[in-house]
Amino acid sequence: MQEVLKLLIGILILMLGFPIGNYLKKITLDEQKDGQKWFRILTLTSLLIGFFGLIILNDWLMFSFFFIAIVTSQSLRVKKTKKR
C-alpha cells in the first residue's frame, strides 16, 4: 500500500510538469528560438536516464528525470497559428 501511494504521489508530481513547462515556455520566448537543439538534447538525455532509473528500480532517479523531460519538452511544442 505504501508503494502504491508513493507511485501515485510521483505521478501527480509528474503531471505538474505540464503546467510548469507551459509557464516557463511563456516567460522564456527568447531562449526557445536559439535553444531548440539544447532542449532536444536535454529532453532525450532526461528520458534515457529516467528509463535507466526505471530499469534499476530507483524511483527518485526515474521521477526526477522524467519531470525534467516533461518540463523541457513543453518548450519544444510549437504553438500553431491560424492561417487566414
N, C-alpha and C. Protein backbone atom coordinates (compact mmCIF):
# COMPACT_ATOMS: atom_id res chain seq x y z
N MET A 1 0.82 -1.19 0.00
CA MET A 1 0.00 0.00 0.00
C MET A 1 0.87 1.27 0.00
N GLN A 2 1.94 1.24 0.76
CA GLN A 2 2.82 2.39 0.82
C GLN A 2 3.51 2.63 -0.52
N GLU A 3 3.85 1.56 -1.21
CA GLU A 3 4.49 1.67 -2.52
C GLU A 3 3.53 2.29 -3.54
N VAL A 4 2.27 1.90 -3.48
CA VAL A 4 1.26 2.45 -4.39
C VAL A 4 1.07 3.93 -4.12
N LEU A 5 1.06 4.33 -2.87
CA LEU A 5 0.91 5.73 -2.51
C LEU A 5 2.09 6.56 -3.01
N LYS A 6 3.30 6.01 -2.89
CA LYS A 6 4.48 6.71 -3.40
C LYS A 6 4.41 6.89 -4.92
N LEU A 7 3.93 5.86 -5.62
CA LEU A 7 3.80 5.97 -7.07
C LEU A 7 2.73 6.99 -7.46
N LEU A 8 1.62 7.02 -6.75
CA LEU A 8 0.57 8.00 -7.05
C LEU A 8 1.06 9.43 -6.82
N ILE A 9 1.79 9.64 -5.75
CA ILE A 9 2.35 10.97 -5.48
C ILE A 9 3.35 11.34 -6.58
N GLY A 10 4.18 10.39 -6.99
CA GLY A 10 5.14 10.64 -8.07
C GLY A 10 4.44 10.99 -9.38
N ILE A 11 3.36 10.30 -9.69
CA ILE A 11 2.61 10.58 -10.92
C ILE A 11 1.97 11.96 -10.85
N LEU A 12 1.44 12.34 -9.69
CA LEU A 12 0.86 13.68 -9.54
C LEU A 12 1.92 14.76 -9.73
N ILE A 13 3.11 14.53 -9.19
CA ILE A 13 4.20 15.50 -9.37
C ILE A 13 4.60 15.58 -10.84
N LEU A 14 4.63 14.43 -11.53
CA LEU A 14 4.95 14.45 -12.96
C LEU A 14 3.90 15.23 -13.74
N MET A 15 2.65 15.11 -13.37
CA MET A 15 1.59 15.85 -14.05
C MET A 15 1.72 17.35 -13.86
N LEU A 16 2.32 17.76 -12.75
CA LEU A 16 2.57 19.19 -12.52
C LEU A 16 3.62 19.74 -13.47
N GLY A 17 4.40 18.86 -14.08
CA GLY A 17 5.42 19.29 -15.04
C GLY A 17 4.84 19.95 -16.27
N PHE A 18 3.62 19.57 -16.66
CA PHE A 18 3.00 20.16 -17.85
C PHE A 18 2.67 21.64 -17.65
N PRO A 19 1.95 22.02 -16.58
CA PRO A 19 1.69 23.46 -16.41
C PRO A 19 2.96 24.26 -16.09
N ILE A 20 3.90 23.66 -15.38
CA ILE A 20 5.15 24.36 -15.09
C ILE A 20 5.93 24.59 -16.38
N GLY A 21 5.98 23.57 -17.23
CA GLY A 21 6.66 23.72 -18.52
C GLY A 21 6.00 24.75 -19.41
N ASN A 22 4.67 24.79 -19.41
CA ASN A 22 3.97 25.79 -20.21
C ASN A 22 4.22 27.20 -19.68
N TYR A 23 4.27 27.35 -18.37
CA TYR A 23 4.55 28.66 -17.78
C TYR A 23 5.97 29.12 -18.15
N LEU A 24 6.94 28.22 -18.03
CA LEU A 24 8.31 28.58 -18.39
C LEU A 24 8.43 28.88 -19.87
N LYS A 25 7.64 28.20 -20.67
CA LYS A 25 7.65 28.45 -22.12
C LYS A 25 7.17 29.87 -22.42
N LYS A 26 6.18 30.34 -21.66
CA LYS A 26 5.65 31.68 -21.89
C LYS A 26 6.63 32.77 -21.49
N ILE A 27 7.41 32.54 -20.43
CA ILE A 27 8.29 33.61 -19.94
C ILE A 27 9.69 33.55 -20.53
N THR A 28 10.00 32.52 -21.32
CA THR A 28 11.34 32.41 -21.90
C THR A 28 11.27 32.29 -23.41
N LEU A 29 10.62 33.22 -24.05
CA LEU A 29 10.45 33.16 -25.50
C LEU A 29 11.76 33.32 -26.25
N ASP A 30 12.68 34.15 -25.74
CA ASP A 30 13.96 34.36 -26.43
C ASP A 30 14.80 33.09 -26.49
N GLU A 31 14.82 32.34 -25.41
CA GLU A 31 15.65 31.14 -25.36
C GLU A 31 15.10 30.03 -26.24
N GLN A 32 13.82 30.06 -26.54
CA GLN A 32 13.22 28.98 -27.32
C GLN A 32 13.73 28.97 -28.75
N LYS A 33 13.99 30.12 -29.32
CA LYS A 33 14.47 30.17 -30.70
C LYS A 33 15.89 29.64 -30.81
N ASP A 34 16.76 30.12 -29.95
CA ASP A 34 18.17 29.75 -30.02
C ASP A 34 18.47 28.38 -29.41
N GLY A 35 17.66 27.95 -28.46
CA GLY A 35 18.00 26.75 -27.71
C GLY A 35 17.26 25.49 -28.09
N GLN A 36 16.65 25.43 -29.26
CA GLN A 36 15.89 24.23 -29.66
C GLN A 36 16.77 22.98 -29.63
N LYS A 37 17.98 23.10 -30.12
CA LYS A 37 18.88 21.94 -30.14
C LYS A 37 19.17 21.47 -28.71
N TRP A 38 19.38 22.41 -27.80
CA TRP A 38 19.71 22.06 -26.42
C TRP A 38 18.50 21.50 -25.68
N PHE A 39 17.31 22.00 -26.00
CA PHE A 39 16.10 21.44 -25.39
C PHE A 39 15.91 19.99 -25.83
N ARG A 40 16.18 19.70 -27.10
CA ARG A 40 16.07 18.32 -27.59
C ARG A 40 17.08 17.41 -26.91
N ILE A 41 18.31 17.88 -26.78
CA ILE A 41 19.35 17.08 -26.13
C ILE A 41 19.00 16.83 -24.67
N LEU A 42 18.55 17.86 -23.97
CA LEU A 42 18.18 17.72 -22.56
C LEU A 42 16.99 16.79 -22.39
N THR A 43 16.00 16.90 -23.27
CA THR A 43 14.83 16.02 -23.18
C THR A 43 15.22 14.57 -23.43
N LEU A 44 15.99 14.33 -24.47
CA LEU A 44 16.41 12.96 -24.79
C LEU A 44 17.27 12.36 -23.67
N THR A 45 18.21 13.14 -23.17
CA THR A 45 19.07 12.67 -22.08
C THR A 45 18.26 12.36 -20.83
N SER A 46 17.32 13.23 -20.51
CA SER A 46 16.48 13.01 -19.33
C SER A 46 15.62 11.77 -19.48
N LEU A 47 15.09 11.54 -20.68
CA LEU A 47 14.29 10.34 -20.91
C LEU A 47 15.14 9.08 -20.76
N LEU A 48 16.34 9.11 -21.30
CA LEU A 48 17.22 7.94 -21.20
C LEU A 48 17.58 7.64 -19.74
N ILE A 49 17.92 8.67 -18.98
CA ILE A 49 18.28 8.46 -17.57
C ILE A 49 17.04 8.04 -16.78
N GLY A 50 15.87 8.60 -17.14
CA GLY A 50 14.63 8.19 -16.47
C GLY A 50 14.32 6.72 -16.70
N PHE A 51 14.49 6.25 -17.94
CA PHE A 51 14.27 4.83 -18.20
C PHE A 51 15.32 3.96 -17.52
N PHE A 52 16.54 4.46 -17.42
CA PHE A 52 17.56 3.74 -16.67
C PHE A 52 17.16 3.61 -15.20
N GLY A 53 16.62 4.69 -14.63
CA GLY A 53 16.12 4.63 -13.26
C GLY A 53 14.97 3.64 -13.10
N LEU A 54 14.15 3.53 -14.13
CA LEU A 54 13.06 2.55 -14.11
C LEU A 54 13.61 1.13 -14.13
N ILE A 55 14.62 0.90 -14.93
CA ILE A 55 15.20 -0.44 -15.04
C ILE A 55 15.87 -0.87 -13.74
N ILE A 56 16.60 0.06 -13.11
CA ILE A 56 17.30 -0.31 -11.87
C ILE A 56 16.42 -0.13 -10.64
N LEU A 57 15.15 0.23 -10.86
CA LEU A 57 14.16 0.39 -9.78
C LEU A 57 14.55 1.48 -8.78
N ASN A 58 15.03 2.58 -9.31
CA ASN A 58 15.40 3.72 -8.48
C ASN A 58 14.35 4.83 -8.74
N ASP A 59 13.39 4.94 -7.82
CA ASP A 59 12.25 5.83 -8.03
C ASP A 59 12.65 7.30 -8.13
N TRP A 60 13.52 7.77 -7.26
CA TRP A 60 13.83 9.20 -7.28
C TRP A 60 14.55 9.59 -8.57
N LEU A 61 15.42 8.70 -9.08
CA LEU A 61 16.11 8.96 -10.33
C LEU A 61 15.11 8.99 -11.49
N MET A 62 14.22 8.02 -11.52
CA MET A 62 13.23 7.92 -12.58
C MET A 62 12.31 9.14 -12.60
N PHE A 63 11.70 9.45 -11.46
CA PHE A 63 10.75 10.55 -11.41
C PHE A 63 11.42 11.90 -11.62
N SER A 64 12.61 12.08 -11.11
CA SER A 64 13.31 13.36 -11.28
C SER A 64 13.60 13.64 -12.75
N PHE A 65 14.13 12.66 -13.45
CA PHE A 65 14.50 12.90 -14.84
C PHE A 65 13.30 12.89 -15.77
N PHE A 66 12.25 12.13 -15.44
CA PHE A 66 11.03 12.24 -16.23
C PHE A 66 10.40 13.62 -16.06
N PHE A 67 10.47 14.18 -14.86
CA PHE A 67 9.95 15.53 -14.63
C PHE A 67 10.73 16.55 -15.47
N ILE A 68 12.04 16.43 -15.49
CA ILE A 68 12.87 17.33 -16.31
C ILE A 68 12.51 17.17 -17.79
N ALA A 69 12.30 15.95 -18.23
CA ALA A 69 11.95 15.70 -19.63
C ALA A 69 10.61 16.33 -19.98
N ILE A 70 9.65 16.23 -19.09
CA ILE A 70 8.32 16.81 -19.34
C ILE A 70 8.41 18.32 -19.41
N VAL A 71 9.10 18.93 -18.46
CA VAL A 71 9.20 20.39 -18.43
C VAL A 71 9.92 20.92 -19.67
N THR A 72 11.03 20.30 -20.04
CA THR A 72 11.78 20.80 -21.20
C THR A 72 11.07 20.49 -22.51
N SER A 73 10.31 19.40 -22.56
CA SER A 73 9.61 19.08 -23.80
C SER A 73 8.51 20.09 -24.12
N GLN A 74 8.01 20.77 -23.11
CA GLN A 74 6.98 21.79 -23.35
C GLN A 74 7.54 22.95 -24.17
N SER A 75 8.82 23.21 -24.08
CA SER A 75 9.43 24.29 -24.86
C SER A 75 9.64 23.87 -26.32
N LEU A 76 9.54 22.60 -26.61
CA LEU A 76 9.69 22.13 -27.98
C LEU A 76 8.38 22.19 -28.75
N ARG A 77 7.28 22.25 -28.02
CA ARG A 77 5.98 22.31 -28.70
C ARG A 77 5.79 23.67 -29.34
N VAL A 78 5.43 23.65 -30.60
CA VAL A 78 5.23 24.88 -31.35
C VAL A 78 3.75 25.22 -31.33
N LYS A 79 3.47 26.45 -31.01
CA LYS A 79 2.10 26.91 -30.99
C LYS A 79 1.63 27.15 -32.41
N LYS A 80 0.53 26.51 -32.78
CA LYS A 80 0.03 26.65 -34.13
C LYS A 80 -0.79 27.94 -34.25
N THR A 81 -0.56 28.65 -35.34
CA THR A 81 -1.32 29.86 -35.58
C THR A 81 -2.33 29.61 -36.69
N LYS A 82 -3.42 30.32 -36.61
CA LYS A 82 -4.47 30.16 -37.61
C LYS A 82 -4.09 30.95 -38.86
N LYS A 83 -4.26 30.30 -40.00
CA LYS A 83 -4.00 30.98 -41.26
C LYS A 83 -5.32 31.51 -41.81
N ARG A 84 -5.25 32.71 -42.35
CA ARG A 84 -6.47 33.32 -42.91
C ARG A 84 -6.37 33.43 -44.40
